[in-house]
């Protein structure tokens, strides 16, 4: 059986997770990696993070492992990487820089048969897919797609479960997110005031577009969802603090029971924990939702507060790999999932 031929644009944290996950899956082979970094250093990073028999090595311009080899290509703007030379089926752009429809189209025009973002786009594209929410809508004709963001995935899943079980009047969320690679570790002038401050020393409020994309994916929630985010001084492990106002009162038991049911229906995406966990406990957890049962709270009225954990980069890599396979399956069937 022919493997899915994958190209990676950018070899940062999420793409490196994807690369390692593909080493353990015989259905996908990474055949090309485009990054501005030196191949020696990129190989050093992935080797330091990869344990066991698949530890990769650099041979010439190739990243080689027992599961195949990927050609290192110099970085550059979309359109300058000749994906057609490597017969690439799908390009995953993990740079966070090239998120416009125009930039994605340039990858496609350069030979990629499909282009996927590791984050939300800057404008509407063929499809933004949240697994467990709207993944049943994907079509073979989708060429420019996104797997959303970790916050979008966690929030959309939680809102879907709550609204389907209890109804939903309004929702407000805060994403307490680990710092990201584009933040400075010491104060340094950047394009944004707050994001110019040290990620290692500060809780930094930032904007999030998760609410916008949730409303586009779930039109029944238009006008009902708002959200904010803050990056905090931890390298991994994030938290979704979600407050919902329901049409009528419920109990903590009702909420937790609904989450137990959802975890049984979507075991690869949702996990429920009874332990009093903290952020480091979800590192390398591939679930988009790790629901914290002990944290469920109710106001005297109809307001519910829940906490959901996730390892943003690792969970996103898992969703992207699953979405690559889902699209390959419908391509073979030639239609709708």
Protein backbone atom coordinates (compact mmCIF):
# COMPACT_ATOMS: atom_id res chain seq x y z
CA UNK A 1 0.00 0.00 0.00
CA UNK A 2 1.33 3.43 -0.98
CA UNK A 3 2.18 5.63 1.97
CA UNK A 4 0.90 9.19 2.30
CA UNK A 5 3.79 11.45 1.31
CA UNK A 6 4.01 14.34 3.74
CA UNK A 7 5.93 17.60 3.49
CA UNK A 8 6.56 19.81 6.51
CA UNK A 9 6.88 23.57 6.15
CA UNK A 10 8.67 24.59 9.31
CA UNK A 11 10.21 22.14 11.77
CA UNK A 12 9.20 23.72 15.05
CA UNK A 13 7.56 22.07 18.02
CA UNK A 14 4.31 20.86 16.42
CA UNK A 15 5.94 19.64 13.16
CA UNK A 16 8.58 17.75 15.15
CA UNK A 17 5.80 16.04 17.13
CA UNK A 18 4.12 15.18 13.81
CA UNK A 19 7.38 13.76 12.45
CA UNK A 20 7.81 11.49 15.47
CA UNK A 21 4.18 10.34 15.34
CA UNK A 22 4.62 9.46 11.66
CA UNK A 23 7.64 7.30 12.52
CA UNK A 24 5.24 5.14 14.50
CA UNK A 25 2.59 4.98 11.75
CA UNK A 26 3.27 2.97 8.60
CA UNK A 27 0.59 4.89 6.68
CA UNK A 28 2.54 8.19 6.49
CA UNK A 29 6.10 9.03 5.43
CA UNK A 30 7.66 12.47 5.84
CA UNK A 31 9.57 13.01 2.59
CA UNK A 32 10.53 16.70 2.72
CA UNK A 33 11.18 19.30 5.43
CA UNK A 34 11.53 23.01 4.66
CA UNK A 35 12.99 25.19 7.41
CA UNK A 36 15.32 28.16 7.73
CA UNK A 37 17.39 26.32 10.36
CA UNK A 38 20.62 24.46 9.68
CA UNK A 39 19.99 20.74 9.01
CA UNK A 40 22.62 19.81 11.62
CA UNK A 41 20.80 21.73 14.34
CA UNK A 42 17.35 20.55 13.24
CA UNK A 43 18.63 16.96 13.37
CA UNK A 44 20.12 17.59 16.81
CA UNK A 45 16.77 18.88 18.10
CA UNK A 46 14.68 16.00 16.76
CA UNK A 47 17.27 13.45 17.92
CA UNK A 48 17.25 14.91 21.43
CA UNK A 49 13.46 14.58 21.54
CA UNK A 50 13.16 11.15 19.89
CA UNK A 51 13.82 8.10 21.99
CA UNK A 52 14.16 4.47 20.97
CA UNK A 53 14.81 2.66 17.71
CA UNK A 54 13.63 5.47 15.43
CA UNK A 55 16.30 8.00 16.47
CA UNK A 56 17.03 9.92 13.24
CA UNK A 57 20.42 10.96 11.86
CA UNK A 58 21.67 13.35 9.19
CA UNK A 59 23.08 11.87 5.99
CA UNK A 60 23.96 14.58 3.50
CA UNK A 61 20.79 16.62 3.07
CA UNK A 62 18.51 13.87 4.38
CA UNK A 63 17.03 13.16 7.80
CA UNK A 64 17.24 9.39 7.93
CA UNK A 65 15.65 6.82 10.23
CA UNK A 66 14.77 3.14 10.00
CA UNK A 67 11.35 4.26 8.66
CA UNK A 68 12.63 6.25 5.68
CA UNK A 69 14.27 9.55 4.85
CA UNK A 70 13.19 13.15 4.45
CA UNK A 71 15.01 15.72 2.33
CA UNK A 72 15.91 18.99 4.06
CA UNK A 73 15.04 21.96 1.86
CA UNK A 74 15.99 25.55 2.58
CA UNK A 75 13.32 27.81 4.00
CA UNK A 76 11.55 30.48 2.06
CA UNK A 77 8.13 31.88 1.39
CA UNK A 78 5.31 29.63 0.16
CA UNK A 79 5.66 29.00 -3.55
CA UNK A 80 9.44 28.79 -3.43
CA UNK A 81 9.56 25.20 -2.19
CA UNK A 82 9.06 22.75 -5.10
CA UNK A 83 6.79 20.20 -3.42
CA UNK A 84 6.07 18.56 -6.78
CA UNK A 85 9.69 17.40 -6.97
CA UNK A 86 9.00 15.14 -3.99
CA UNK A 87 5.52 14.00 -5.11
CA UNK A 88 4.08 15.39 -1.87
CA UNK A 89 0.45 14.52 -1.12
CA UNK A 90 -0.01 17.03 1.68
CA UNK A 91 2.01 19.91 3.11
CA UNK A 92 1.58 20.83 6.75
CA UNK A 93 2.56 24.46 7.38
CA UNK A 94 3.60 24.80 11.00
CA UNK A 95 5.35 28.16 10.75
CA UNK A 96 2.42 30.20 12.17
CA UNK A 97 3.61 32.87 9.73
CA UNK A 98 1.91 31.84 6.50
CA UNK A 99 -1.75 31.51 7.43
CA UNK A 100 -3.50 33.44 4.68
CA UNK A 101 -5.47 31.80 1.90
CA UNK A 102 -3.05 33.30 -0.60
CA UNK A 103 0.01 31.78 1.06
CA UNK A 104 -1.67 28.38 1.35
CA UNK A 105 -2.59 28.52 -2.33
CA UNK A 106 1.07 29.10 -3.18
CA UNK A 107 1.98 25.78 -1.54
CA UNK A 108 -0.77 24.15 -3.58
CA UNK A 109 0.43 25.75 -6.80
CA UNK A 110 3.96 24.52 -6.04
CA UNK A 111 2.80 20.91 -6.15
CA UNK A 112 1.16 20.08 -2.82
CA UNK A 113 -2.11 18.22 -3.42
CA UNK A 114 -3.50 19.52 -0.12
CA UNK A 115 -2.28 22.13 2.39
CA UNK A 116 -3.00 21.98 6.11
CA UNK A 117 -2.27 24.51 8.87
CA UNK A 118 -1.30 23.64 12.44
CA UNK A 119 -3.22 26.74 13.56
CA UNK A 120 -6.31 28.68 12.58
CA UNK A 121 -6.05 30.68 9.34
CA UNK A 122 -6.33 34.45 9.03
CA UNK A 123 -9.37 34.17 6.76
CA UNK A 124 -11.91 31.62 5.56
CA UNK A 125 -10.51 28.67 3.61
CA UNK A 126 -12.02 25.42 2.35
CA UNK A 127 -12.50 24.02 5.84
CA UNK A 128 -11.46 24.38 9.48
CA UNK A 129 -11.90 20.95 11.04
CA UNK A 130 -12.44 20.26 14.73
CA UNK A 131 -12.47 16.53 15.27
CA UNK A 132 -15.44 15.42 17.27
CA UNK A 133 -17.37 18.52 16.18
CA UNK A 134 -17.44 18.91 12.39
CA UNK A 135 -15.02 16.31 11.04
CA UNK A 136 -17.99 14.47 9.49
CA UNK A 137 -18.29 17.32 6.96
CA UNK A 138 -14.90 16.93 5.26
CA UNK A 139 -14.83 16.40 1.50
CA UNK A 140 -12.25 15.23 -0.99
CA UNK A 141 -12.56 18.61 -2.71
CA UNK A 142 -11.12 20.39 0.36
CA UNK A 143 -7.63 21.55 -0.61
CA UNK A 144 -6.82 24.33 1.89
CA UNK A 145 -7.66 23.16 5.40
CA UNK A 146 -6.85 23.77 9.04
CA UNK A 147 -7.04 21.52 12.09
CA UNK A 148 -7.85 24.57 14.22
CA UNK A 149 -5.81 25.42 17.30
CA UNK A 150 -5.52 23.59 20.59
CA UNK A 151 -7.69 26.18 22.33
CA UNK A 152 -10.27 26.09 19.53
CA UNK A 153 -10.41 22.29 19.71
CA UNK A 154 -10.80 22.16 23.49
CA UNK A 155 -13.38 24.95 23.63
CA UNK A 156 -15.48 23.73 20.70
CA UNK A 157 -15.61 20.20 22.11
CA UNK A 158 -16.64 21.41 25.56
CA UNK A 159 -19.34 23.72 24.15
CA UNK A 160 -20.69 20.95 21.94
CA UNK A 161 -21.00 18.55 24.85
CA UNK A 162 -22.61 21.10 27.15
CA UNK A 163 -25.01 22.53 24.57
CA UNK A 164 -26.15 19.12 23.32
CA UNK A 165 -26.79 17.84 26.83
CA UNK A 166 -28.12 20.92 28.60
CA UNK A 167 -28.59 23.74 26.11
CA UNK A 168 -26.50 26.92 26.22
CA UNK A 169 -27.37 30.58 26.69
CA UNK A 170 -23.88 32.11 26.86
CA UNK A 171 -20.25 31.10 27.34
CA UNK A 172 -17.09 32.91 28.39
CA UNK A 173 -13.68 31.26 28.38
CA UNK A 174 -10.09 32.01 29.33
CA UNK A 175 -7.23 30.02 27.87
CA UNK A 176 -4.33 29.82 30.34
CA UNK A 177 -1.66 28.88 27.85
CA UNK A 178 1.99 27.86 28.09
CA UNK A 179 4.36 30.36 26.54
CA UNK A 180 5.16 30.03 22.85
CA UNK A 181 8.38 30.06 20.81
CA UNK A 182 7.70 33.51 19.35
CA UNK A 183 7.81 35.13 22.81
CA UNK A 184 11.09 36.51 24.20
CA UNK A 185 12.45 35.06 27.43
CA UNK A 186 13.59 38.57 28.42
CA UNK A 187 11.93 41.90 27.66
CA UNK A 188 12.56 42.71 23.99
CA UNK A 189 10.86 45.16 21.65
CA UNK A 190 8.43 43.41 19.34
CA UNK A 191 5.35 44.21 17.28
CA UNK A 192 2.99 43.96 20.28
CA UNK A 193 3.37 45.73 23.63
CA UNK A 194 2.53 42.89 25.98
CA UNK A 195 4.17 40.18 23.87
CA UNK A 196 7.40 42.20 24.10
CA UNK A 197 7.61 41.31 27.78
CA UNK A 198 9.48 38.32 29.21
CA UNK A 199 7.55 35.05 28.79
CA UNK A 200 9.58 33.51 31.61
CA UNK A 201 8.58 36.16 34.15
CA UNK A 202 5.06 37.31 33.36
CA UNK A 203 1.44 36.35 32.96
CA UNK A 204 0.71 38.01 29.62
CA UNK A 205 -2.84 38.71 28.38
CA UNK A 206 -3.16 38.10 24.64
CA UNK A 207 -5.90 38.14 22.04
CA UNK A 208 -7.52 34.94 20.81
CA UNK A 209 -9.60 34.35 17.69
CA UNK A 210 -10.92 31.03 18.98
CA UNK A 211 -14.42 32.42 19.60
CA UNK A 212 -14.69 33.65 16.00
CA UNK A 213 -13.78 30.28 14.56
CA UNK A 214 -16.04 28.38 16.96
CA UNK A 215 -18.97 30.50 15.79
CA UNK A 216 -18.11 29.79 12.14
CA UNK A 217 -17.91 26.04 12.81
CA UNK A 218 -20.95 25.99 15.11
CA UNK A 219 -23.35 28.66 13.78
CA UNK A 220 -25.87 27.81 16.47
CA UNK A 221 -23.49 29.55 18.91
CA UNK A 222 -23.21 32.85 17.03
CA UNK A 223 -23.44 35.72 19.49
CA UNK A 224 -23.12 33.40 22.49
CA UNK A 225 -19.35 32.93 22.90
CA UNK A 226 -16.55 35.27 23.97
CA UNK A 227 -13.05 34.48 25.09
CA UNK A 228 -9.65 35.71 26.11
CA UNK A 229 -6.25 34.18 26.69
CA UNK A 230 -3.12 34.62 28.74
CA UNK A 231 0.31 33.09 28.32
CA UNK A 232 1.94 32.01 31.57
CA UNK A 233 5.54 31.10 32.52
CA UNK A 234 5.34 27.33 31.95
CA UNK A 235 6.78 25.61 28.84
CA UNK A 236 4.04 22.97 28.43
CA UNK A 237 0.58 22.23 29.78
CA UNK A 238 -2.37 24.59 29.21
CA UNK A 239 -5.78 25.09 30.78
CA UNK A 240 -9.21 26.07 29.49
CA UNK A 241 -11.27 27.90 32.11
CA UNK A 242 -14.83 27.80 30.74
CA UNK A 243 -17.92 29.42 32.24
CA UNK A 244 -21.29 28.64 30.71
CA UNK A 245 -24.78 29.94 31.45
CA UNK A 246 -27.40 27.24 30.88
CA UNK A 247 -31.16 27.52 30.29
CA UNK A 248 -31.88 25.75 33.56
CA UNK A 249 -30.07 24.51 36.63
CA UNK A 250 -28.01 21.32 36.64
CA UNK A 251 -25.88 19.46 39.16
CA UNK A 252 -22.15 18.78 39.24
CA UNK A 253 -23.03 15.13 38.83
CA UNK A 254 -24.98 15.90 35.65
CA UNK A 255 -22.02 17.74 34.09
CA UNK A 256 -19.49 15.08 35.02
CA UNK A 257 -21.79 12.30 33.80
CA UNK A 258 -22.10 14.01 30.41
CA UNK A 259 -18.31 14.24 30.18
CA UNK A 260 -17.92 10.56 31.07
CA UNK A 261 -20.33 9.70 28.25
CA UNK A 262 -18.44 11.92 25.76
CA UNK A 263 -15.10 10.34 26.71
CA UNK A 264 -16.52 6.88 25.95
CA UNK A 265 -17.79 8.07 22.57
CA UNK A 266 -14.56 9.90 21.62
CA UNK A 267 -11.81 8.09 23.57
CA UNK A 268 -8.96 9.36 21.37
CA UNK A 269 -9.97 13.00 21.80
CA UNK A 270 -11.55 13.32 25.26
CA UNK A 271 -10.26 12.03 28.60
CA UNK A 272 -11.83 12.46 32.03
CA UNK A 273 -9.65 12.43 35.14
CA UNK A 274 -10.58 12.19 38.83
CA UNK A 275 -7.08 12.95 40.10
CA UNK A 276 -6.13 16.47 41.28
CA UNK A 277 -3.81 17.03 38.32
CA UNK A 278 -1.65 20.05 37.45
CA UNK A 279 -0.21 21.29 34.16
CA UNK A 280 2.84 19.00 33.94
CA UNK A 281 0.58 15.96 34.27
CA UNK A 282 -0.75 16.46 30.73
CA UNK A 283 2.61 16.74 28.97
CA UNK A 284 2.64 14.28 26.02
CA UNK A 285 -1.09 13.66 26.45
CA UNK A 286 -2.65 13.56 22.97
CA UNK A 287 -6.24 14.31 24.05
CA UNK A 288 -7.73 17.66 23.04
CA UNK A 289 -9.76 17.63 26.26
CA UNK A 290 -8.50 16.32 29.60
CA UNK A 291 -11.52 17.12 31.73
CA UNK A 292 -10.88 17.83 35.41
CA UNK A 293 -13.81 16.32 37.33
CA UNK A 294 -12.74 17.73 40.66
CA UNK A 295 -12.86 21.29 39.35
CA UNK A 296 -16.52 21.45 38.22
CA UNK A 297 -18.34 24.26 40.01
CA UNK A 298 -21.87 25.68 40.02
CA UNK A 299 -23.22 29.08 40.98
CA UNK A 300 -26.52 29.18 42.91
CA UNK A 301 -28.20 29.83 39.56
CA UNK A 302 -27.50 28.47 36.07
CA UNK A 303 -23.79 29.22 35.77
CA UNK A 304 -21.31 26.33 35.38
CA UNK A 305 -17.51 26.56 35.58
CA UNK A 306 -15.29 23.77 34.25
CA UNK A 307 -11.54 23.27 33.86
CA UNK A 308 -10.03 21.38 30.94
CA UNK A 309 -6.33 20.64 30.46
CA UNK A 310 -4.36 20.04 27.28
CA UNK A 311 -0.79 19.86 25.99
CA UNK A 312 -1.34 22.21 23.07
CA UNK A 313 1.50 21.20 20.72
CA UNK A 314 1.24 17.45 21.31
CA UNK A 315 -2.56 17.35 21.05
CA UNK A 316 -2.48 19.44 17.86
CA UNK A 317 0.09 17.12 16.29
CA UNK A 318 -2.17 14.15 17.04
CA UNK A 319 -5.22 15.89 15.53
CA UNK A 320 -3.27 16.82 12.41
CA UNK A 321 -1.99 13.29 11.87
CA UNK A 322 -5.51 11.91 12.29
CA UNK A 323 -6.90 14.49 9.86
CA UNK A 324 -4.25 13.63 7.26
CA UNK A 325 -5.40 10.01 7.42
CA UNK A 326 -9.10 10.98 7.36
CA UNK A 327 -8.62 12.98 4.17
CA UNK A 328 -6.62 10.17 2.60
CA UNK A 329 -9.48 7.78 3.32
CA UNK A 330 -12.09 9.95 1.62
CA UNK A 331 -9.75 10.61 -1.30
CA UNK A 332 -9.62 6.86 -1.87
CA UNK A 333 -13.42 6.68 -1.66
CA UNK A 334 -13.74 9.78 -3.83
CA UNK A 335 -16.29 11.79 -1.93
CA UNK A 336 -17.59 12.69 1.52
CA UNK A 337 -16.55 11.02 4.74
